[in-house]
Amino acid sequence: MIELQPARLSDLTHWFPVGAPGVAALAEHVRATGSGRWWADRAVDPRVVAVSSGDHALLRGNPQALAPAALAPLASLRVQAPARFLSTLSTAFTRLDPGERMVYVHHTSALASRPPRGVAVRRLTAADATATAGPGGDARRLHATWGGPHLLAASGVAWGAFHRGGLLAVAGTCVLGSRYEDVAVLSPPDPRQHLALACVTALCADIAARGRIPTWTCSGDDRPGRLLAWRAGFRLEREYVEYATGDPVRTEEASVPDRARARA
């Protein structure tokens, strides 16, 4: 596939849903923020289109219109694609791991959070960028779709819990859609989740003030994430399967049947 420049994007509106919850709003996020890349099998009248940002990608179109090797730009990403693409994806990469994802939509008020004394919850600013590496967890999953911690902090869509100048927990929008904003949170392990809940509650109020609805996406086996979502007022909307891709299959490997490669 070839990478498309922003000037071509007006022709791609019909390829992806408008106003969709969760990571399905990735195309809207890339349009709004400029953080991401667009791909197609050809520049004029494309038959296959993909958009990627951070670790995520959406893939649409006719899989018979391109060779598996053309999907190489989607290596090492988590791809959402119709079932008709599965055969092509499995041939294109050294591995293709399915993962169940759950999309929650904010429907009700959060439970009361009780952060420790001396903790202040506030919006992040550009000056807080380097601090986003401090809270527990993989910070990249929060800021990768923005192009890095500095752009996330400067965007105004993240809220953190601070104590004596240190960032203890942070919640932010990772996918900015026209109707929904998908959120993520990073915090140290805490069975009561007070810090994380306080950040998510502040973020959800901020999203509502912007006229949008918060959503929450996590894996089916992420019990702490699902519990925090429920405490914050989110309720399950839908489930889907995404596919984590490996490295592109080398040309000489592409002719080897899938079963033979699996035994290797």
Protein backbone atom coordinates (compact mmCIF):
# COMPACT_ATOMS: atom_id res chain seq x y z
CA MET A 1 0.00 0.00 0.00
CA ILE A 2 1.00 3.61 -0.47
CA GLU A 3 0.78 6.37 2.11
CA LEU A 4 -1.75 9.09 1.35
CA GLN A 5 -1.19 12.76 2.05
CA PRO A 6 -3.75 14.84 4.00
CA ALA A 7 -4.94 16.56 0.81
CA ARG A 8 -6.46 13.24 -0.29
CA LEU A 9 -8.45 12.63 2.88
CA SER A 10 -11.69 14.27 1.76
CA ASP A 11 -12.20 11.34 -0.60
CA LEU A 12 -12.13 8.79 2.24
CA THR A 13 -15.07 9.93 4.37
CA HIS A 14 -17.29 7.00 3.42
CA TRP A 15 -14.70 4.36 4.34
CA PHE A 16 -14.99 4.73 8.12
CA PRO A 17 -17.95 5.29 10.45
CA VAL A 18 -18.72 8.76 11.79
CA GLY A 19 -19.60 9.13 15.46
CA ALA A 20 -18.56 5.59 16.43
CA PRO A 21 -17.56 4.73 20.03
CA GLY A 22 -14.16 3.43 21.06
CA VAL A 23 -11.18 2.88 18.77
CA ALA A 24 -13.61 2.73 15.83
CA ALA A 25 -13.31 6.55 15.90
CA LEU A 26 -9.59 6.32 15.01
CA ALA A 27 -10.09 7.87 11.57
CA GLU A 28 -11.79 10.88 13.13
CA HIS A 29 -8.96 11.17 15.65
CA VAL A 30 -6.31 11.23 12.94
CA ARG A 31 -8.24 13.83 10.98
CA ALA A 32 -8.66 16.05 14.05
CA THR A 33 -5.14 15.76 15.47
CA GLY A 34 -2.96 14.97 12.46
CA SER A 35 -1.33 12.22 14.51
CA GLY A 36 -1.45 9.10 12.36
CA ARG A 37 -1.05 7.78 8.82
CA TRP A 38 -3.38 6.89 5.96
CA TRP A 39 -2.77 4.04 3.51
CA ALA A 40 -4.45 2.80 0.32
CA ASP A 41 -3.75 0.29 -2.41
CA ARG A 42 -3.78 3.16 -4.94
CA ALA A 43 -4.19 6.93 -4.86
CA VAL A 44 -7.20 7.14 -7.19
CA ASP A 45 -10.36 5.09 -6.52
CA PRO A 46 -8.75 2.93 -3.81
CA ARG A 47 -10.13 -0.51 -3.11
CA VAL A 48 -8.42 -0.96 0.27
CA VAL A 49 -7.88 1.81 2.85
CA ALA A 50 -6.23 1.76 6.27
CA VAL A 51 -5.62 4.36 8.96
CA SER A 52 -3.17 3.93 11.84
CA SER A 53 -2.24 5.86 14.97
CA GLY A 54 -0.22 4.68 17.93
CA ASP A 55 -0.60 0.90 18.19
CA HIS A 56 -4.00 0.82 16.46
CA ALA A 57 -5.17 0.47 12.86
CA LEU A 58 -8.48 0.21 11.02
CA LEU A 59 -8.58 -1.69 7.72
CA ARG A 60 -11.44 -1.60 5.22
CA GLY A 61 -12.14 -2.59 1.63
CA ASN A 62 -11.74 -5.60 -0.64
CA PRO A 63 -8.90 -7.94 0.45
CA GLN A 64 -8.81 -9.53 -2.99
CA ALA A 65 -7.60 -6.24 -4.43
CA LEU A 66 -4.06 -6.53 -3.04
CA ALA A 67 -1.34 -9.05 -2.29
CA PRO A 68 -0.73 -9.92 1.39
CA ALA A 69 2.72 -8.30 1.24
CA ALA A 70 1.03 -4.94 0.63
CA LEU A 71 -0.20 -4.97 4.24
CA ALA A 72 3.36 -4.60 5.59
CA PRO A 73 2.68 -1.05 6.92
CA LEU A 74 0.31 -2.64 9.45
CA ALA A 75 3.03 -4.77 11.08
CA SER A 76 3.20 -4.82 14.90
CA LEU A 77 -0.18 -3.10 15.27
CA ARG A 78 -3.57 -4.03 16.70
CA VAL A 79 -5.83 -4.15 13.68
CA GLN A 80 -9.61 -3.92 13.45
CA ALA A 81 -10.80 -5.43 10.17
CA PRO A 82 -13.83 -7.27 8.77
CA ALA A 83 -13.65 -11.07 8.86
CA ARG A 84 -13.08 -11.19 5.11
CA PHE A 85 -9.52 -9.87 5.72
CA LEU A 86 -8.45 -12.65 8.09
CA SER A 87 -6.98 -14.96 5.45
CA THR A 88 -4.97 -12.14 3.90
CA LEU A 89 -3.77 -10.88 7.29
CA SER A 90 -2.70 -14.35 8.43
CA THR A 91 -0.67 -14.76 5.24
CA ALA A 92 0.88 -11.30 5.48
CA PHE A 93 2.42 -11.57 8.97
CA THR A 94 4.46 -14.05 10.99
CA ARG A 95 1.73 -14.10 13.61
CA LEU A 96 -1.85 -12.90 13.98
CA ASP A 97 -3.13 -13.01 17.54
CA PRO A 98 -6.85 -12.35 18.14
CA GLY A 99 -7.85 -10.42 21.23
CA GLU A 100 -11.29 -9.78 22.67
CA ARG A 101 -12.01 -6.09 23.32
CA MET A 102 -14.88 -4.59 25.27
CA VAL A 103 -16.27 -1.10 24.60
CA TYR A 104 -17.99 0.72 27.48
CA VAL A 105 -19.98 3.96 27.21
CA HIS A 106 -20.41 6.43 30.06
CA HIS A 107 -24.01 6.25 31.27
CA THR A 108 -24.17 7.16 34.96
CA SER A 109 -22.43 9.04 37.74
CA ALA A 110 -19.18 7.66 39.10
CA LEU A 111 -18.83 6.30 42.60
CA ALA A 112 -17.24 8.74 45.03
CA SER A 113 -13.44 8.78 44.89
CA ARG A 114 -11.37 9.50 47.98
CA PRO A 115 -7.82 10.43 47.02
CA PRO A 116 -5.33 10.71 49.91
CA ARG A 117 -4.94 14.00 51.72
CA GLY A 118 -2.76 16.46 49.87
CA VAL A 119 -3.50 15.06 46.40
CA ALA A 120 -4.72 17.58 43.81
CA VAL A 121 -6.49 16.52 40.59
CA ARG A 122 -6.04 18.98 37.73
CA ARG A 123 -5.68 19.24 33.98
CA LEU A 124 -2.22 18.50 32.57
CA THR A 125 -0.35 21.28 30.79
CA ALA A 126 2.64 21.22 28.47
CA ALA A 127 4.90 21.63 31.51
CA ASP A 128 3.77 18.22 32.80
CA ALA A 129 4.89 16.26 29.73
CA THR A 130 7.96 14.60 31.24
CA ALA A 131 5.94 13.53 34.29
CA THR A 132 3.66 11.26 32.27
CA ALA A 133 6.32 8.54 32.38
CA GLY A 134 5.96 8.43 36.17
CA PRO A 135 2.62 6.65 36.84
CA GLY A 136 2.51 2.88 36.73
CA GLY A 137 1.82 1.00 33.52
CA ASP A 138 2.83 1.54 29.93
CA ALA A 139 2.61 5.30 29.39
CA ARG A 140 2.87 4.86 25.63
CA ARG A 141 -0.65 3.46 25.37
CA LEU A 142 -1.93 6.79 26.67
CA HIS A 143 0.09 9.19 24.52
CA ALA A 144 1.05 7.19 21.40
CA THR A 145 -2.04 8.27 19.46
CA TRP A 146 -1.04 11.89 20.11
CA GLY A 147 2.51 11.49 18.89
CA GLY A 148 4.17 11.54 22.31
CA PRO A 149 3.80 12.79 25.89
CA HIS A 150 4.44 16.45 25.03
CA LEU A 151 1.58 16.59 22.53
CA LEU A 152 -0.78 14.80 24.91
CA ALA A 153 0.05 17.10 27.81
CA ALA A 154 -0.36 20.19 25.63
CA SER A 155 -3.66 18.97 24.16
CA GLY A 156 -5.65 19.73 27.31
CA VAL A 157 -7.40 16.33 27.29
CA ALA A 158 -5.56 14.70 30.19
CA TRP A 159 -6.10 15.00 33.94
CA GLY A 160 -3.66 13.94 36.63
CA ALA A 161 -3.45 13.39 40.38
CA PHE A 162 -0.49 15.29 41.82
CA HIS A 163 1.18 15.21 45.21
CA ARG A 164 4.03 17.57 46.04
CA GLY A 165 4.60 18.18 42.36
CA GLY A 166 4.76 14.50 41.44
CA LEU A 167 2.26 12.87 39.08
CA LEU A 168 0.73 9.81 40.73
CA ALA A 169 -1.96 8.88 38.18
CA VAL A 170 -3.24 10.23 34.89
CA ALA A 171 -6.29 9.73 32.66
CA GLY A 172 -6.61 11.09 29.16
CA THR A 173 -8.39 10.88 25.84
CA CYS A 174 -6.52 8.52 23.53
CA VAL A 175 -9.01 8.57 20.63
CA LEU A 176 -10.77 11.86 19.90
CA GLY A 177 -13.92 11.34 17.86
CA SER A 178 -16.69 13.70 16.76
CA ARG A 179 -19.21 12.24 19.22
CA TYR A 180 -17.14 10.06 21.57
CA GLU A 181 -13.75 10.27 23.27
CA ASP A 182 -12.10 6.99 24.22
CA VAL A 183 -10.16 7.28 27.47
CA ALA A 184 -7.28 5.46 29.12
CA VAL A 185 -5.74 5.67 32.57
CA LEU A 186 -2.34 4.98 34.11
CA SER A 187 -1.94 4.56 37.85
CA PRO A 188 0.00 2.50 40.39
CA PRO A 189 -1.61 -0.72 41.64
CA ASP A 190 -4.39 0.16 44.08
CA PRO A 191 -7.26 -2.24 44.95
CA ARG A 192 -9.51 0.72 45.80
CA GLN A 193 -8.52 2.65 42.63
CA HIS A 194 -9.09 6.03 44.29
CA LEU A 195 -6.42 7.93 42.33
CA ALA A 196 -7.43 6.45 38.98
CA LEU A 197 -11.12 7.00 39.68
CA ALA A 198 -10.56 10.63 40.64
CA CYS A 199 -8.67 11.28 37.38
CA VAL A 200 -11.24 9.47 35.23
CA THR A 201 -14.13 11.30 36.92
CA ALA A 202 -12.52 14.69 36.24
CA LEU A 203 -11.78 13.71 32.64
CA CYS A 204 -15.35 12.50 32.02
CA ALA A 205 -16.77 15.80 33.30
CA ASP A 206 -14.41 17.65 30.98
CA ILE A 207 -15.44 15.50 27.99
CA ALA A 208 -19.12 16.11 28.75
CA ALA A 209 -18.43 19.85 28.89
CA ARG A 210 -17.04 19.57 25.35
CA GLY A 211 -20.35 18.04 24.25
CA ARG A 212 -19.00 14.51 23.77
CA ILE A 213 -19.49 11.15 25.48
CA PRO A 214 -16.65 9.25 27.19
CA THR A 215 -15.98 5.65 26.20
CA TRP A 216 -13.65 3.04 27.64
CA THR A 217 -12.03 0.16 25.74
CA CYS A 218 -10.17 -2.69 27.41
CA SER A 219 -9.42 -6.36 26.91
CA GLY A 220 -11.88 -8.96 28.09
CA ASP A 221 -9.40 -10.35 30.65
CA ASP A 222 -8.56 -6.94 32.14
CA ARG A 223 -10.57 -7.33 35.33
CA PRO A 224 -9.12 -4.23 37.08
CA GLY A 225 -9.87 -2.15 33.99
CA ARG A 226 -13.44 -3.42 33.76
CA LEU A 227 -13.99 -2.79 37.47
CA LEU A 228 -12.65 0.75 37.22
CA ALA A 229 -14.87 1.42 34.21
CA TRP A 230 -17.95 0.29 36.17
CA ARG A 231 -16.99 2.41 39.19
CA ALA A 232 -16.52 5.42 36.90
CA GLY A 233 -20.04 5.06 35.45
CA PHE A 234 -19.31 3.17 32.22
CA ARG A 235 -21.52 0.33 31.01
CA LEU A 236 -20.80 -2.30 28.37
CA GLU A 237 -21.87 -1.31 24.85
CA ARG A 238 -20.36 -3.94 22.58
CA GLU A 239 -17.56 -6.47 22.11
CA TYR A 240 -15.31 -7.11 19.15
CA VAL A 241 -12.09 -8.89 18.18
CA GLU A 242 -8.90 -7.14 17.13
CA TYR A 243 -5.78 -8.77 15.68
CA ALA A 244 -2.23 -8.16 16.85
CA THR A 245 0.09 -8.52 13.88
CA GLY A 246 3.68 -9.70 13.88
CA ASP A 247 6.46 -8.94 11.43
CA PRO A 248 5.75 -9.00 7.68
CA VAL A 249 6.32 -12.40 6.11
CA ARG A 250 9.43 -12.38 3.94
CA THR A 251 8.98 -13.05 0.23
CA GLU A 252 10.47 -16.53 0.42
CA GLU A 253 8.17 -17.40 3.33
CA ALA A 254 5.02 -16.22 1.59
CA SER A 255 4.95 -19.30 -0.64
CA VAL A 256 5.11 -21.68 2.35
CA PRO A 257 1.66 -22.92 3.47
CA ASP A 258 0.40 -21.55 6.78
CA ARG A 259 0.49 -25.02 8.36
CA ALA A 260 4.14 -25.50 7.46
CA ARG A 261 5.06 -22.07 8.87
CA ALA A 262 3.20 -22.85 12.08
CA ARG A 263 5.37 -26.00 12.59
CA ALA A 264 8.60 -24.05 11.99
